[in-house]
Amino acid sequence: MTKENQKSNLPLLSGHGEIQKLISIEKRCVQILVVLLLASFWFQSWAVSLGLVLGGAIALLNFRWLWSILRRYLKSKKKYSLFQLIGKFFLLALAIFLAIRFVRVNPVALVIGVSTVVFGIVFEMVRQNLLRNRKGVW
């Protein structure tokens, strides 16, 4: 780590390993979303299935958006714009509001769909720690 990276306490995303971790988190989120979608057919409700799909899409969009903001910040070495983060937050909140209000999705399914990124991150962290422990690296 360089002195500048130590000051900011931000992980360096320029390495191949870090990018691969982010890609594997995205893939895991999509896999979890597909499993949840298949399970939602048991309810026989389009509101539940659509809520999962819209929630998962919003979550993956948010994850990718944060990733691009951080990558631009690290490449340009400039301070990030707080407006970007606040604007992103309000746009995502608006998307969730519109999905509940006008599309009439199941709100619980929407929250579960939005949570797929959290599930994907936790799953990948556990998987990578188990792989690291099997190799004997601490």
C-alpha atoms as a PDB file:
ATOM      1  CA  MET A   1       0.000   0.000   0.000  1.00  0.00           C
ATOM      2  CA  THR A   2       1.187   3.468  -0.721  1.00  0.00           C
ATOM      3  CA  LYS A   3       1.089   6.233   1.847  1.00  0.00           C
ATOM      4  CA  GLU A   4      -1.867   7.791   0.062  1.00  0.00           C
ATOM      5  CA  ASN A   5      -3.853   4.553   0.230  1.00  0.00           C
ATOM      6  CA  GLN A   6      -3.013   4.140   3.900  1.00  0.00           C
ATOM      7  CA  LYS A   7      -4.363   7.611   4.616  1.00  0.00           C
ATOM      8  CA  SER A   8      -7.676   6.972   2.906  1.00  0.00           C
ATOM      9  CA  ASN A   9      -8.149   3.404   4.218  1.00  0.00           C
ATOM     10  CA  LEU A  10      -9.760   2.495   0.907  1.00  0.00           C
ATOM     11  CA  PRO A  11      -8.966  -0.802  -0.797  1.00  0.00           C
ATOM     12  CA  LEU A  12      -7.130  -0.574  -4.051  1.00  0.00           C
ATOM     13  CA  LEU A  13      -9.430  -1.670  -6.878  1.00  0.00           C
ATOM     14  CA  SER A  14      -6.839  -1.618  -9.608  1.00  0.00           C
ATOM     15  CA  GLY A  15      -5.630  -5.154  -8.861  1.00  0.00           C
ATOM     16  CA  HIS A  16      -6.954  -8.128 -10.751  1.00  0.00           C
ATOM     17  CA  GLY A  17      -7.870  -9.957  -7.529  1.00  0.00           C
ATOM     18  CA  GLU A  18     -10.115  -7.191  -6.233  1.00  0.00           C
ATOM     19  CA  ILE A  19     -11.963  -6.880  -9.520  1.00  0.00           C
ATOM     20  CA  GLN A  20     -12.437 -10.654  -9.613  1.00  0.00           C
ATOM     21  CA  LYS A  21     -13.935 -10.522  -6.103  1.00  0.00           C
ATOM     22  CA  LEU A  22     -16.434  -7.868  -7.169  1.00  0.00           C
ATOM     23  CA  ILE A  23     -17.347  -9.844 -10.266  1.00  0.00           C
ATOM     24  CA  SER A  24     -17.802 -13.020  -8.227  1.00  0.00           C
ATOM     25  CA  ILE A  25     -20.069 -11.128  -5.800  1.00  0.00           C
ATOM     26  CA  GLU A  26     -22.201  -9.945  -8.736  1.00  0.00           C
ATOM     27  CA  LYS A  27     -22.403 -13.463 -10.162  1.00  0.00           C
ATOM     28  CA  ARG A  28     -23.347 -14.883  -6.778  1.00  0.00           C
ATOM     29  CA  CYS A  29     -26.073 -12.244  -6.401  1.00  0.00           C
ATOM     30  CA  VAL A  30     -27.549 -13.192  -9.760  1.00  0.00           C
ATOM     31  CA  GLN A  31     -27.466 -16.878  -8.803  1.00  0.00           C
ATOM     32  CA  ILE A  32     -29.213 -16.174  -5.507  1.00  0.00           C
ATOM     33  CA  LEU A  33     -31.777 -14.044  -7.316  1.00  0.00           C
ATOM     34  CA  VAL A  34     -32.515 -16.845  -9.805  1.00  0.00           C
ATOM     35  CA  VAL A  35     -32.988 -19.366  -6.973  1.00  0.00           C
ATOM     36  CA  LEU A  36     -35.303 -16.959  -5.146  1.00  0.00           C
ATOM     37  CA  LEU A  37     -37.232 -16.317  -8.353  1.00  0.00           C
ATOM     38  CA  LEU A  38     -37.731 -20.038  -8.914  1.00  0.00           C
ATOM     39  CA  ALA A  39     -38.877 -20.392  -5.305  1.00  0.00           C
ATOM     40  CA  SER A  40     -41.301 -17.486  -5.764  1.00  0.00           C
ATOM     41  CA  PHE A  41     -43.249 -19.435  -8.370  1.00  0.00           C
ATOM     42  CA  TRP A  42     -44.563 -21.527  -5.471  1.00  0.00           C
ATOM     43  CA  PHE A  43     -46.601 -18.488  -4.363  1.00  0.00           C
ATOM     44  CA  GLN A  44     -48.172 -18.245  -7.828  1.00  0.00           C
ATOM     45  CA  SER A  45     -48.184 -14.479  -7.605  1.00  0.00           C
ATOM     46  CA  TRP A  46     -46.729 -12.123 -10.171  1.00  0.00           C
ATOM     47  CA  ALA A  47     -46.429  -9.453  -7.470  1.00  0.00           C
ATOM     48  CA  VAL A  48     -43.984 -11.621  -5.518  1.00  0.00           C
ATOM     49  CA  SER A  49     -41.924 -12.656  -8.544  1.00  0.00           C
ATOM     50  CA  LEU A  50     -41.833  -9.134  -9.952  1.00  0.00           C
ATOM     51  CA  GLY A  51     -40.895  -7.746  -6.533  1.00  0.00           C
ATOM     52  CA  LEU A  52     -37.908 -10.087  -6.370  1.00  0.00           C
ATOM     53  CA  VAL A  53     -36.782  -9.233  -9.879  1.00  0.00           C
ATOM     54  CA  LEU A  54     -37.157  -5.466  -9.449  1.00  0.00           C
ATOM     55  CA  GLY A  55     -35.527  -5.527  -6.014  1.00  0.00           C
ATOM     56  CA  GLY A  56     -32.613  -7.573  -7.309  1.00  0.00           C
ATOM     57  CA  ALA A  57     -32.192  -5.304 -10.325  1.00  0.00           C
ATOM     58  CA  ILE A  58     -32.187  -2.212  -8.109  1.00  0.00           C
ATOM     59  CA  ALA A  59     -29.644  -3.809  -5.759  1.00  0.00           C
ATOM     60  CA  LEU A  60     -27.324  -4.873  -8.574  1.00  0.00           C
ATOM     61  CA  LEU A  61     -27.602  -1.439 -10.169  1.00  0.00           C
ATOM     62  CA  ASN A  62     -26.695   0.140  -6.838  1.00  0.00           C
ATOM     63  CA  PHE A  63     -23.725  -2.217  -6.382  1.00  0.00           C
ATOM     64  CA  ARG A  64     -22.405  -1.504  -9.882  1.00  0.00           C
ATOM     65  CA  TRP A  65     -22.954   2.232  -9.450  1.00  0.00           C
ATOM     66  CA  LEU A  66     -21.005   2.304  -6.167  1.00  0.00           C
ATOM     67  CA  TRP A  67     -18.261   0.291  -7.802  1.00  0.00           C
ATOM     68  CA  SER A  68     -17.942   2.798 -10.666  1.00  0.00           C
ATOM     69  CA  ILE A  69     -17.982   5.808  -8.304  1.00  0.00           C
ATOM     70  CA  LEU A  70     -15.191   4.258  -6.229  1.00  0.00           C
ATOM     71  CA  ARG A  71     -13.159   3.313  -9.299  1.00  0.00           C
ATOM     72  CA  ARG A  72     -13.396   6.855 -10.694  1.00  0.00           C
ATOM     73  CA  TYR A  73     -12.431   8.256  -7.295  1.00  0.00           C
ATOM     74  CA  LEU A  74      -9.355   6.041  -7.041  1.00  0.00           C
ATOM     75  CA  LYS A  75      -8.244   6.683 -10.622  1.00  0.00           C
ATOM     76  CA  SER A  76      -8.586  10.458 -10.556  1.00  0.00           C
ATOM     77  CA  LYS A  77      -7.262  10.910  -7.002  1.00  0.00           C
ATOM     78  CA  LYS A  78      -9.846  13.647  -6.546  1.00  0.00           C
ATOM     79  CA  LYS A  79     -12.339  13.906  -3.763  1.00  0.00           C
ATOM     80  CA  TYR A  80     -15.592  12.207  -4.582  1.00  0.00           C
ATOM     81  CA  SER A  81     -18.652  14.284  -4.986  1.00  0.00           C
ATOM     82  CA  LEU A  82     -21.066  13.942  -2.118  1.00  0.00           C
ATOM     83  CA  PHE A  83     -23.737  14.978  -4.613  1.00  0.00           C
ATOM     84  CA  GLN A  84     -23.127  11.742  -6.531  1.00  0.00           C
ATOM     85  CA  LEU A  85     -23.768   9.589  -3.484  1.00  0.00           C
ATOM     86  CA  ILE A  86     -26.778  11.582  -2.311  1.00  0.00           C
ATOM     87  CA  GLY A  87     -28.191  11.719  -5.839  1.00  0.00           C
ATOM     88  CA  LYS A  88     -27.711   7.975  -6.221  1.00  0.00           C
ATOM     89  CA  PHE A  89     -29.473   7.376  -2.913  1.00  0.00           C
ATOM     90  CA  PHE A  90     -32.494   9.484  -3.901  1.00  0.00           C
ATOM     91  CA  LEU A  91     -32.767   7.901  -7.352  1.00  0.00           C
ATOM     92  CA  LEU A  92     -32.730   4.415  -5.857  1.00  0.00           C
ATOM     93  CA  ALA A  93     -35.270   5.417  -3.193  1.00  0.00           C
ATOM     94  CA  LEU A  94     -37.447   6.852  -5.963  1.00  0.00           C
ATOM     95  CA  ALA A  95     -37.180   3.611  -7.934  1.00  0.00           C
ATOM     96  CA  ILE A  96     -38.260   1.606  -4.886  1.00  0.00           C
ATOM     97  CA  PHE A  97     -41.143   3.998  -4.221  1.00  0.00           C
ATOM     98  CA  LEU A  98     -42.334   3.836  -7.827  1.00  0.00           C
ATOM     99  CA  ALA A  99     -42.125   0.040  -7.824  1.00  0.00           C
ATOM    100  CA  ILE A 100     -44.287  -0.210  -4.714  1.00  0.00           C
ATOM    101  CA  ARG A 101     -46.711   2.565  -5.612  1.00  0.00           C
ATOM    102  CA  PHE A 102     -47.363   2.089  -9.325  1.00  0.00           C
ATOM    103  CA  VAL A 103     -46.189  -1.395 -10.262  1.00  0.00           C
ATOM    104  CA  ARG A 104     -47.868  -2.913  -7.210  1.00  0.00           C
ATOM    105  CA  VAL A 105     -45.142  -5.374  -6.304  1.00  0.00           C
ATOM    106  CA  ASN A 106     -45.072  -7.264  -3.033  1.00  0.00           C
ATOM    107  CA  PRO A 107     -43.042  -5.052  -0.635  1.00  0.00           C
ATOM    108  CA  VAL A 108     -41.589  -8.014   1.270  1.00  0.00           C
ATOM    109  CA  ALA A 109     -40.418  -9.613  -1.964  1.00  0.00           C
ATOM    110  CA  LEU A 110     -38.943  -6.268  -3.039  1.00  0.00           C
ATOM    111  CA  VAL A 111     -36.953  -6.011   0.203  1.00  0.00           C
ATOM    112  CA  ILE A 112     -35.733  -9.590  -0.190  1.00  0.00           C
ATOM    113  CA  GLY A 113     -34.715  -8.796  -3.771  1.00  0.00           C
ATOM    114  CA  VAL A 114     -32.822  -5.707  -2.645  1.00  0.00           C
ATOM    115  CA  SER A 115     -31.103  -7.847  -0.008  1.00  0.00           C
ATOM    116  CA  THR A 116     -29.617 -10.231  -2.566  1.00  0.00           C
ATOM    117  CA  VAL A 117     -26.439  -8.139  -2.709  1.00  0.00           C
ATOM    118  CA  VAL A 118     -26.016  -8.517   1.035  1.00  0.00           C
ATOM    119  CA  PHE A 119     -26.587 -12.259   0.733  1.00  0.00           C
ATOM    120  CA  GLY A 120     -24.072 -12.413  -2.125  1.00  0.00           C
ATOM    121  CA  ILE A 121     -21.404 -10.480  -0.212  1.00  0.00           C
ATOM    122  CA  VAL A 122     -21.803 -12.655   2.902  1.00  0.00           C
ATOM    123  CA  PHE A 123     -21.778 -15.854   0.850  1.00  0.00           C
ATOM    124  CA  GLU A 124     -18.622 -14.836  -1.023  1.00  0.00           C
ATOM    125  CA  MET A 125     -16.857 -13.772   2.188  1.00  0.00           C
ATOM    126  CA  VAL A 126     -17.609 -17.123   3.815  1.00  0.00           C
ATOM    127  CA  ARG A 127     -16.576 -19.017   0.679  1.00  0.00           C
ATOM    128  CA  GLN A 128     -13.279 -17.153   0.345  1.00  0.00           C
ATOM    129  CA  ASN A 129     -12.470 -17.590   4.042  1.00  0.00           C
ATOM    130  CA  LEU A 130     -13.154 -21.314   3.816  1.00  0.00           C
ATOM    131  CA  LEU A 131     -10.917 -21.594   0.757  1.00  0.00           C
ATOM    132  CA  ARG A 132      -8.189 -19.616   2.502  1.00  0.00           C
ATOM    133  CA  ASN A 133      -8.423 -21.838   5.617  1.00  0.00           C
ATOM    134  CA  ARG A 134      -8.204 -24.997   3.495  1.00  0.00           C
ATOM    135  CA  LYS A 135      -4.996 -23.725   1.932  1.00  0.00           C
ATOM    136  CA  GLY A 136      -3.600 -22.939   5.379  1.00  0.00           C
ATOM    137  CA  VAL A 137      -3.234 -19.202   4.764  1.00  0.00           C
ATOM    138  CA  TRP A 138      -4.276 -16.971   7.622  1.00  0.00           C
END
